[in-house]
Amino acid sequence: QAFQVPVPGGIHYPLAVVKNSRNPEQARHFIAFVRSEQGQ
């Protein structure tokens, strides 16, 4: 490792349910799990 690169604004990861999802309710459950204490 040489050095950490200073990135203006930082690096952030978003997620979302796709508009044409076949299982939007389950997709929301998955997102909630990713953001839960266990997922984090």
All heavy atoms as atom14 arrays in JSON, in Angstrom:
{
  "sequence": "QAFQVPVPGGIHYPLAVVKNSRNPEQARHFIAFVRSEQGQ",
  "atom14_mask": [
    [1, 1, 1, 1, 1, 1, 1, 1, 1, 0, 0, 0, 0, 0],
    [1, 1, 1, 1, 1, 0, 0, 0, 0, 0, 0, 0, 0, 0],
    [1, 1, 1, 1, 1, 1, 1, 1, 1, 1, 1, 0, 0, 0],
    [1, 1, 1, 1, 1, 1, 1, 1, 1, 0, 0, 0, 0, 0],
    [1, 1, 1, 1, 1, 1, 1, 0, 0, 0, 0, 0, 0, 0],
    [1, 1, 1, 1, 1, 1, 1, 0, 0, 0, 0, 0, 0, 0],
    [1, 1, 1, 1, 1, 1, 1, 0, 0, 0, 0, 0, 0, 0],
    [1, 1, 1, 1, 1, 1, 1, 0, 0, 0, 0, 0, 0, 0],
    [1, 1, 1, 1, 0, 0, 0, 0, 0, 0, 0, 0, 0, 0],
    [1, 1, 1, 1, 0, 0, 0, 0, 0, 0, 0, 0, 0, 0],
    [1, 1, 1, 1, 1, 1, 1, 1, 0, 0, 0, 0, 0, 0],
    [1, 1, 1, 1, 1, 1, 1, 1, 1, 1, 0, 0, 0, 0],
    [1, 1, 1, 1, 1, 1, 1, 1, 1, 1, 1, 1, 0, 0],
    [1, 1, 1, 1, 1, 1, 1, 0, 0, 0, 0, 0, 0, 0],
    [1, 1, 1, 1, 1, 1, 1, 1, 0, 0, 0, 0, 0, 0],
    [1, 1, 1, 1, 1, 0, 0, 0, 0, 0, 0, 0, 0, 0],
    [1, 1, 1, 1, 1, 1, 1, 0, 0, 0, 0, 0, 0, 0],
    [1, 1, 1, 1, 1, 1, 1, 0, 0, 0, 0, 0, 0, 0],
    [1, 1, 1, 1, 1, 1, 1, 1, 1, 0, 0, 0, 0, 0],
    [1, 1, 1, 1, 1, 1, 1, 1, 0, 0, 0, 0, 0, 0],
    [1, 1, 1, 1, 1, 1, 0, 0, 0, 0, 0, 0, 0, 0],
    [1, 1, 1, 1, 1, 1, 1, 1, 1, 1, 1, 0, 0, 0],
    [1, 1, 1, 1, 1, 1, 1, 1, 0, 0, 0, 0, 0, 0],
    [1, 1, 1, 1, 1, 1, 1, 0, 0, 0, 0, 0, 0, 0],
    [1, 1, 1, 1, 1, 1, 1, 1, 1, 0, 0, 0, 0, 0],
    [1, 1, 1, 1, 1, 1, 1, 1, 1, 0, 0, 0, 0, 0],
    [1, 1, 1, 1, 1, 0, 0, 0, 0, 0, 0, 0, 0, 0],
    [1, 1, 1, 1, 1, 1, 1, 1, 1, 1, 1, 0, 0, 0],
    [1, 1, 1, 1, 1, 1, 1, 1, 1, 1, 0, 0, 0, 0],
    [1, 1, 1, 1, 1, 1, 1, 1, 1, 1, 1, 0, 0, 0],
    [1, 1, 1, 1, 1, 1, 1, 1, 0, 0, 0, 0, 0, 0],
    [1, 1, 1, 1, 1, 0, 0, 0, 0, 0, 0, 0, 0, 0],
    [1, 1, 1, 1, 1, 1, 1, 1, 1, 1, 1, 0, 0, 0],
    [1, 1, 1, 1, 1, 1, 1, 0, 0, 0, 0, 0, 0, 0],
    [1, 1, 1, 1, 1, 1, 1, 1, 1, 1, 1, 0, 0, 0],
    [1, 1, 1, 1, 1, 1, 0, 0, 0, 0, 0, 0, 0, 0],
    [1, 1, 1, 1, 1, 1, 1, 1, 1, 0, 0, 0, 0, 0],
    [1, 1, 1, 1, 1, 1, 1, 1, 1, 0, 0, 0, 0, 0],
    [1, 1, 1, 1, 0, 0, 0, 0, 0, 0, 0, 0, 0, 0],
    [1, 1, 1, 1, 1, 1, 1, 1, 1, 0, 0, 0, 0, 0]
  ],
  "atom14_positions": [
    [[0.84, -1.18, 0.0], [0.0, 0.0, 0.0], [0.89, 1.24, 0.0], [1.76, 1.39, 0.86], [-0.91, -0.01, 1.22], [-1.86, -1.2, 1.25], [-2.71, -1.21, 2.51], [-3.02, -0.17, 3.06], [-3.11, -2.39, 2.95], [0.0, 0.0, 0.0], [0.0, 0.0, 0.0], [0.0, 0.0, 0.0], [0.0, 0.0, 0.0], [0.0, 0.0, 0.0]],
    [[0.66, 2.13, -0.95], [1.45, 3.35, -1.04], [0.82, 4.47, -0.21], [1.42, 4.97, 0.73], [1.6, 3.78, -2.49], [0.0, 0.0, 0.0], [0.0, 0.0, 0.0], [0.0, 0.0, 0.0], [0.0, 0.0, 0.0], [0.0, 0.0, 0.0], [0.0, 0.0, 0.0], [0.0, 0.0, 0.0], [0.0, 0.0, 0.0], [0.0, 0.0, 0.0]],
    [[-0.43, 4.84, -0.54], [-1.1, 5.89, 0.23], [-2.59, 5.9, -0.1], [-3.01, 5.4, -1.16], [-0.49, 7.27, -0.05], [-0.57, 7.7, -1.5], [-1.67, 8.4, -2.0], [0.48, 7.41, -2.38], [-1.73, 8.79, -3.32], [0.43, 7.8, -3.71], [-0.69, 8.49, -4.18], [0.0, 0.0, 0.0], [0.0, 0.0, 0.0], [0.0, 0.0, 0.0]],
    [[-3.37, 6.46, 0.81], [-4.79, 6.66, 0.55], [-4.96, 7.89, -0.33], [-4.37, 8.95, -0.06], [-5.57, 6.83, 1.85], [-7.07, 6.99, 1.64], [-7.85, 7.11, 2.94], [-7.43, 6.6, 3.97], [-8.98, 7.78, 2.89], [0.0, 0.0, 0.0], [0.0, 0.0, 0.0], [0.0, 0.0, 0.0], [0.0, 0.0, 0.0], [0.0, 0.0, 0.0]],
    [[-5.76, 7.75, -1.37], [-5.97, 8.83, -2.33], [-7.09, 9.74, -1.83], [-8.19, 9.27, -1.53], [-6.35, 8.24, -3.71], [-6.6, 9.36, -4.72], [-5.26, 7.29, -4.2], [0.0, 0.0, 0.0], [0.0, 0.0, 0.0], [0.0, 0.0, 0.0], [0.0, 0.0, 0.0], [0.0, 0.0, 0.0], [0.0, 0.0, 0.0], [0.0, 0.0, 0.0]],
    [[-6.83, 11.03, -1.73], [-7.88, 11.96, -1.3], [-8.89, 12.19, -2.41], [-8.57, 12.78, -3.44], [-7.1, 13.24, -0.97], [-5.88, 13.17, -1.82], [-5.53, 11.72, -1.98], [0.0, 0.0, 0.0], [0.0, 0.0, 0.0], [0.0, 0.0, 0.0], [0.0, 0.0, 0.0], [0.0, 0.0, 0.0], [0.0, 0.0, 0.0], [0.0, 0.0, 0.0]],
    [[-10.12, 11.7, -2.21], [-11.17, 11.81, -3.23], [-12.15, 12.91, -2.83], [-12.82, 12.79, -1.8], [-11.92, 10.48, -3.4], [-13.06, 10.64, -4.41], [-10.97, 9.38, -3.84], [0.0, 0.0, 0.0], [0.0, 0.0, 0.0], [0.0, 0.0, 0.0], [0.0, 0.0, 0.0], [0.0, 0.0, 0.0], [0.0, 0.0, 0.0], [0.0, 0.0, 0.0]],
    [[-12.25, 13.99, -3.58], [-13.2, 15.06, -3.25], [-14.63, 14.51, -3.16], [-15.1, 13.83, -4.07], [-13.06, 16.03, -4.42], [-11.68, 15.78, -4.96], [-11.46, 14.3, -4.79], [0.0, 0.0, 0.0], [0.0, 0.0, 0.0], [0.0, 0.0, 0.0], [0.0, 0.0, 0.0], [0.0, 0.0, 0.0], [0.0, 0.0, 0.0], [0.0, 0.0, 0.0]],
    [[-15.3, 14.77, -2.06], [-16.67, 14.3, -1.89], [-16.81, 12.91, -1.32], [-17.9, 12.49, -0.95], [0.0, 0.0, 0.0], [0.0, 0.0, 0.0], [0.0, 0.0, 0.0], [0.0, 0.0, 0.0], [0.0, 0.0, 0.0], [0.0, 0.0, 0.0], [0.0, 0.0, 0.0], [0.0, 0.0, 0.0], [0.0, 0.0, 0.0], [0.0, 0.0, 0.0]],
    [[-15.7, 12.16, -1.27], [-15.75, 10.81, -0.72], [-16.34, 9.79, -1.67], [-16.7, 10.1, -2.81], [0.0, 0.0, 0.0], [0.0, 0.0, 0.0], [0.0, 0.0, 0.0], [0.0, 0.0, 0.0], [0.0, 0.0, 0.0], [0.0, 0.0, 0.0], [0.0, 0.0, 0.0], [0.0, 0.0, 0.0], [0.0, 0.0, 0.0], [0.0, 0.0, 0.0]],
    [[-16.44, 8.54, -1.2], [-16.93, 7.41, -2.01], [-18.13, 6.81, -1.29], [-18.01, 6.32, -0.16], [-15.83, 6.36, -2.2], [-14.65, 6.96, -2.98], [-16.37, 5.12, -2.91], [-13.45, 6.03, -3.12], [0.0, 0.0, 0.0], [0.0, 0.0, 0.0], [0.0, 0.0, 0.0], [0.0, 0.0, 0.0], [0.0, 0.0, 0.0], [0.0, 0.0, 0.0]],
    [[-19.27, 6.81, -1.96], [-20.51, 6.35, -1.34], [-21.23, 5.36, -2.26], [-21.28, 5.55, -3.48], [-21.42, 7.54, -1.04], [-20.76, 8.59, -0.2], [-20.58, 8.45, 1.15], [-20.18, 9.78, -0.55], [-19.95, 9.51, 1.62], [-19.7, 10.34, 0.61], [0.0, 0.0, 0.0], [0.0, 0.0, 0.0], [0.0, 0.0, 0.0], [0.0, 0.0, 0.0]],
    [[-21.79, 4.32, -1.65], [-22.46, 3.24, -2.39], [-23.98, 3.3, -2.18], [-24.45, 3.16, -1.05], [-21.97, 1.88, -1.9], [-20.6, 1.47, -2.39], [-19.47, 2.2, -2.09], [-20.44, 0.32, -3.17], [-18.22, 1.83, -2.52], [-19.19, -0.07, -3.61], [-18.08, 0.69, -3.29], [-16.84, 0.3, -3.73], [0.0, 0.0, 0.0], [0.0, 0.0, 0.0]],
    [[-24.77, 3.49, -3.23], [-26.23, 3.45, -3.12], [-26.81, 2.15, -3.68], [-26.19, 1.47, -4.5], [-26.65, 4.63, -3.98], [-25.63, 4.61, -5.1], [-24.33, 4.08, -4.51], [0.0, 0.0, 0.0], [0.0, 0.0, 0.0], [0.0, 0.0, 0.0], [0.0, 0.0, 0.0], [0.0, 0.0, 0.0], [0.0, 0.0, 0.0], [0.0, 0.0, 0.0]],
    [[-28.02, 1.82, -3.26], [-28.75, 0.7, -3.86], [-30.22, 1.07, -3.93], [-30.69, 1.99, -3.26], [-28.54, -0.61, -3.1], [-29.31, -0.89, -1.81], [-29.05, -2.33, -1.36], [-28.97, 0.06, -0.7], [0.0, 0.0, 0.0], [0.0, 0.0, 0.0], [0.0, 0.0, 0.0], [0.0, 0.0, 0.0], [0.0, 0.0, 0.0], [0.0, 0.0, 0.0]],
    [[-30.96, 0.35, -4.79], [-32.37, 0.67, -5.0], [-33.07, -0.51, -5.64], [-32.43, -1.4, -6.22], [-32.53, 1.91, -5.89], [0.0, 0.0, 0.0], [0.0, 0.0, 0.0], [0.0, 0.0, 0.0], [0.0, 0.0, 0.0], [0.0, 0.0, 0.0], [0.0, 0.0, 0.0], [0.0, 0.0, 0.0], [0.0, 0.0, 0.0], [0.0, 0.0, 0.0]],
    [[-34.4, -0.51, -5.55], [-35.21, -1.49, -6.25], [-35.35, -1.04, -7.71], [-35.61, 0.13, -8.0], [-36.61, -1.61, -5.62], [-37.5, -2.57, -6.41], [-36.5, -2.09, -4.17], [0.0, 0.0, 0.0], [0.0, 0.0, 0.0], [0.0, 0.0, 0.0], [0.0, 0.0, 0.0], [0.0, 0.0, 0.0], [0.0, 0.0, 0.0], [0.0, 0.0, 0.0]],
    [[-35.13, -1.96, -8.63], [-35.27, -1.65, -10.05], [-36.75, -1.49, -10.38], [-37.6, -2.23, -9.88], [-34.62, -2.77, -10.9], [-34.86, -2.53, -12.39], [-33.12, -2.82, -10.61], [0.0, 0.0, 0.0], [0.0, 0.0, 0.0], [0.0, 0.0, 0.0], [0.0, 0.0, 0.0], [0.0, 0.0, 0.0], [0.0, 0.0, 0.0], [0.0, 0.0, 0.0]],
    [[-37.07, -0.53, -11.23], [-38.46, -0.17, -11.54], [-39.26, -1.38, -12.02], [-40.43, -1.53, -11.68], [-38.45, 0.93, -12.6], [-39.75, 1.69, -12.75], [-39.99, 2.59, -11.55], [-41.1, 3.6, -11.79], [-40.71, 4.66, -12.73], [0.0, 0.0, 0.0], [0.0, 0.0, 0.0], [0.0, 0.0, 0.0], [0.0, 0.0, 0.0], [0.0, 0.0, 0.0]],
    [[-38.65, -2.22, -12.84], [-39.37, -3.37, -13.41], [-39.14, -4.65, -12.62], [-39.28, -5.75, -13.17], [-38.96, -3.56, -14.87], [-39.41, -2.42, -15.75], [-40.45, -1.8, -15.5], [-38.64, -2.11, -16.79], [0.0, 0.0, 0.0], [0.0, 0.0, 0.0], [0.0, 0.0, 0.0], [0.0, 0.0, 0.0], [0.0, 0.0, 0.0], [0.0, 0.0, 0.0]],
    [[-38.81, -4.55, -11.35], [-38.6, -5.73, -10.51], [-39.84, -6.62, -10.52], [-40.98, -6.15, -10.41], [-38.29, -5.31, -9.07], [-38.36, -6.42, -8.2], [0.0, 0.0, 0.0], [0.0, 0.0, 0.0], [0.0, 0.0, 0.0], [0.0, 0.0, 0.0], [0.0, 0.0, 0.0], [0.0, 0.0, 0.0], [0.0, 0.0, 0.0], [0.0, 0.0, 0.0]],
    [[-39.61, -7.93, -10.6], [-40.71, -8.89, -10.55], [-41.15, -9.15, -9.11], [-42.23, -9.66, -8.86], [-40.27, -10.22, -11.19], [-39.91, -10.12, -12.67], [-39.05, -11.27, -13.13], [-37.78, -11.29, -12.39], [-36.83, -12.19, -12.58], [-37.0, -13.15, -13.48], [-35.71, -12.15, -11.89], [0.0, 0.0, 0.0], [0.0, 0.0, 0.0], [0.0, 0.0, 0.0]],
    [[-40.28, -8.8, -8.15], [-40.55, -9.05, -6.74], [-40.19, -7.83, -5.9], [-39.28, -7.86, -5.08], [-39.75, -10.27, -6.24], [-40.05, -11.53, -7.02], [-41.15, -12.05, -6.97], [-39.07, -12.01, -7.78], [0.0, 0.0, 0.0], [0.0, 0.0, 0.0], [0.0, 0.0, 0.0], [0.0, 0.0, 0.0], [0.0, 0.0, 0.0], [0.0, 0.0, 0.0]],
    [[-40.9, -6.71, -6.1], [-40.51, -5.47, -5.42], [-40.58, -5.55, -3.9], [-39.75, -4.94, -3.22], [-41.49, -4.44, -5.98], [-42.66, -5.24, -6.5], [-42.07, -6.53, -6.98], [0.0, 0.0, 0.0], [0.0, 0.0, 0.0], [0.0, 0.0, 0.0], [0.0, 0.0, 0.0], [0.0, 0.0, 0.0], [0.0, 0.0, 0.0], [0.0, 0.0, 0.0]],
    [[-41.54, -6.28, -3.35], [-41.64, -6.37, -1.89], [-40.43, -7.1, -1.31], [-39.82, -6.66, -0.35], [-42.93, -7.08, -1.49], [-43.13, -7.14, 0.02], [-44.44, -7.79, 0.41], [-45.26, -8.09, -0.48], [-44.65, -8.01, 1.62], [0.0, 0.0, 0.0], [0.0, 0.0, 0.0], [0.0, 0.0, 0.0], [0.0, 0.0, 0.0], [0.0, 0.0, 0.0]],
    [[-40.07, -8.24, -1.94], [-38.9, -8.98, -1.47], [-37.63, -8.19, -1.71], [-36.67, -8.27, -0.93], [-38.83, -10.35, -2.18], [-39.91, -11.33, -1.75], [-41.24, -11.09, -2.46], [-41.36, -10.19, -3.31], [-42.25, -11.87, -2.12], [0.0, 0.0, 0.0], [0.0, 0.0, 0.0], [0.0, 0.0, 0.0], [0.0, 0.0, 0.0], [0.0, 0.0, 0.0]],
    [[-37.59, -7.42, -2.79], [-36.42, -6.58, -3.07], [-36.23, -5.55, -1.96], [-35.1, -5.29, -1.51], [-36.58, -5.88, -4.42], [0.0, 0.0, 0.0], [0.0, 0.0, 0.0], [0.0, 0.0, 0.0], [0.0, 0.0, 0.0], [0.0, 0.0, 0.0], [0.0, 0.0, 0.0], [0.0, 0.0, 0.0], [0.0, 0.0, 0.0], [0.0, 0.0, 0.0]],
    [[-37.33, -4.97, -1.47], [-37.24, -4.02, -0.36], [-36.77, -4.72, 0.91], [-36.01, -4.13, 1.71], [-38.59, -3.33, -0.14], [-38.94, -2.31, -1.21], [-40.12, -1.46, -0.8], [-41.36, -2.23, -0.81], [-42.14, -2.37, -1.87], [-41.83, -1.79, -3.01], [-43.24, -3.07, -1.79], [0.0, 0.0, 0.0], [0.0, 0.0, 0.0], [0.0, 0.0, 0.0]],
    [[-37.18, -5.96, 1.11], [-36.71, -6.71, 2.28], [-35.2, -6.92, 2.2], [-34.51, -6.84, 3.22], [-37.41, -8.07, 2.35], [-38.86, -7.98, 2.73], [-39.73, -9.03, 2.57], [-39.58, -6.97, 3.26], [-40.93, -8.66, 2.99], [-40.86, -7.41, 3.41], [0.0, 0.0, 0.0], [0.0, 0.0, 0.0], [0.0, 0.0, 0.0], [0.0, 0.0, 0.0]],
    [[-34.7, -7.2, 1.0], [-33.25, -7.41, 0.84], [-32.49, -6.12, 1.15], [-31.47, -6.15, 1.84], [-32.93, -7.88, -0.58], [-31.46, -8.15, -0.8], [-30.89, -9.35, -0.43], [-30.64, -7.18, -1.38], [-29.54, -9.59, -0.63], [-29.29, -7.4, -1.57], [-28.75, -8.62, -1.19], [0.0, 0.0, 0.0], [0.0, 0.0, 0.0], [0.0, 0.0, 0.0]],
    [[-32.99, -5.0, 0.66], [-32.34, -3.72, 0.95], [-32.33, -3.45, 2.45], [-31.32, -3.0, 3.0], [-33.05, -2.59, 0.18], [-32.72, -2.67, -1.31], [-32.66, -1.21, 0.73], [-33.43, -1.65, -2.17], [0.0, 0.0, 0.0], [0.0, 0.0, 0.0], [0.0, 0.0, 0.0], [0.0, 0.0, 0.0], [0.0, 0.0, 0.0], [0.0, 0.0, 0.0]],
    [[-33.44, -3.73, 3.11], [-33.49, -3.54, 4.56], [-32.47, -4.42, 5.27], [-31.85, -4.0, 6.26], [-34.9, -3.85, 5.07], [0.0, 0.0, 0.0], [0.0, 0.0, 0.0], [0.0, 0.0, 0.0], [0.0, 0.0, 0.0], [0.0, 0.0, 0.0], [0.0, 0.0, 0.0], [0.0, 0.0, 0.0], [0.0, 0.0, 0.0], [0.0, 0.0, 0.0]],
    [[-32.26, -5.63, 4.76], [-31.27, -6.52, 5.36], [-29.86, -5.97, 5.17], [-29.04, -6.02, 6.1], [-31.38, -7.92, 4.75], [-30.47, -8.93, 5.39], [-30.86, -9.58, 6.56], [-29.24, -9.23, 4.86], [-30.03, -10.51, 7.17], [-28.39, -10.15, 5.46], [-28.79, -10.79, 6.63], [0.0, 0.0, 0.0], [0.0, 0.0, 0.0], [0.0, 0.0, 0.0]],
    [[-29.55, -5.44, 3.99], [-28.23, -4.87, 3.74], [-27.95, -3.74, 4.73], [-26.83, -3.58, 5.23], [-28.12, -4.37, 2.29], [-26.82, -3.58, 2.08], [-28.2, -5.53, 1.31], [0.0, 0.0, 0.0], [0.0, 0.0, 0.0], [0.0, 0.0, 0.0], [0.0, 0.0, 0.0], [0.0, 0.0, 0.0], [0.0, 0.0, 0.0], [0.0, 0.0, 0.0]],
    [[-28.98, -2.96, 5.04], [-28.81, -1.82, 5.94], [-29.0, -2.18, 7.41], [-28.83, -1.33, 8.28], [-29.78, -0.7, 5.54], [-29.38, -0.01, 4.24], [-30.37, 1.1, 3.88], [-30.58, 2.02, 4.99], [-29.78, 3.04, 5.28], [-28.67, 3.26, 4.56], [-30.06, 3.84, 6.29], [0.0, 0.0, 0.0], [0.0, 0.0, 0.0], [0.0, 0.0, 0.0]],
    [[-29.36, -3.43, 7.68], [-29.55, -3.87, 9.06], [-28.2, -3.99, 9.77], [-27.13, -3.94, 9.13], [-30.26, -5.21, 9.1], [-29.4, -6.25, 8.64], [0.0, 0.0, 0.0], [0.0, 0.0, 0.0], [0.0, 0.0, 0.0], [0.0, 0.0, 0.0], [0.0, 0.0, 0.0], [0.0, 0.0, 0.0], [0.0, 0.0, 0.0], [0.0, 0.0, 0.0]],
    [[-28.23, -4.19, 11.07], [-27.0, -4.35, 11.84], [-26.18, -5.53, 11.32], [-24.95, -5.44, 11.21], [-27.34, -4.54, 13.32], [-26.12, -4.64, 14.22], [-26.48, -4.74, 15.7], [-27.64, -4.43, 16.04], [-25.61, -5.13, 16.49], [0.0, 0.0, 0.0], [0.0, 0.0, 0.0], [0.0, 0.0, 0.0], [0.0, 0.0, 0.0], [0.0, 0.0, 0.0]],
    [[-26.86, -6.62, 10.98], [-26.14, -7.8, 10.47], [-25.5, -7.51, 9.12], [-24.33, -7.85, 8.88], [-27.09, -8.99, 10.36], [-26.4, -10.29, 9.94], [-27.34, -11.48, 9.91], [-28.55, -11.34, 10.19], [-26.83, -12.65, 9.6], [0.0, 0.0, 0.0], [0.0, 0.0, 0.0], [0.0, 0.0, 0.0], [0.0, 0.0, 0.0], [0.0, 0.0, 0.0]],
    [[-26.25, -6.88, 8.23], [-25.7, -6.55, 6.91], [-24.54, -5.58, 7.0], [-23.52, -5.74, 6.31], [0.0, 0.0, 0.0], [0.0, 0.0, 0.0], [0.0, 0.0, 0.0], [0.0, 0.0, 0.0], [0.0, 0.0, 0.0], [0.0, 0.0, 0.0], [0.0, 0.0, 0.0], [0.0, 0.0, 0.0], [0.0, 0.0, 0.0], [0.0, 0.0, 0.0]],
    [[-24.65, -4.59, 7.87], [-23.58, -3.61, 8.03], [-22.33, -4.24, 8.64], [-21.2, -3.88, 8.3], [-24.06, -2.44, 8.88], [-25.11, -1.57, 8.2], [-24.56, -0.83, 6.99], [-23.65, -0.02, 7.11], [-25.11, -1.13, 5.81], [0.0, 0.0, 0.0], [0.0, 0.0, 0.0], [0.0, 0.0, 0.0], [0.0, 0.0, 0.0], [0.0, 0.0, 0.0]]
  ]
}
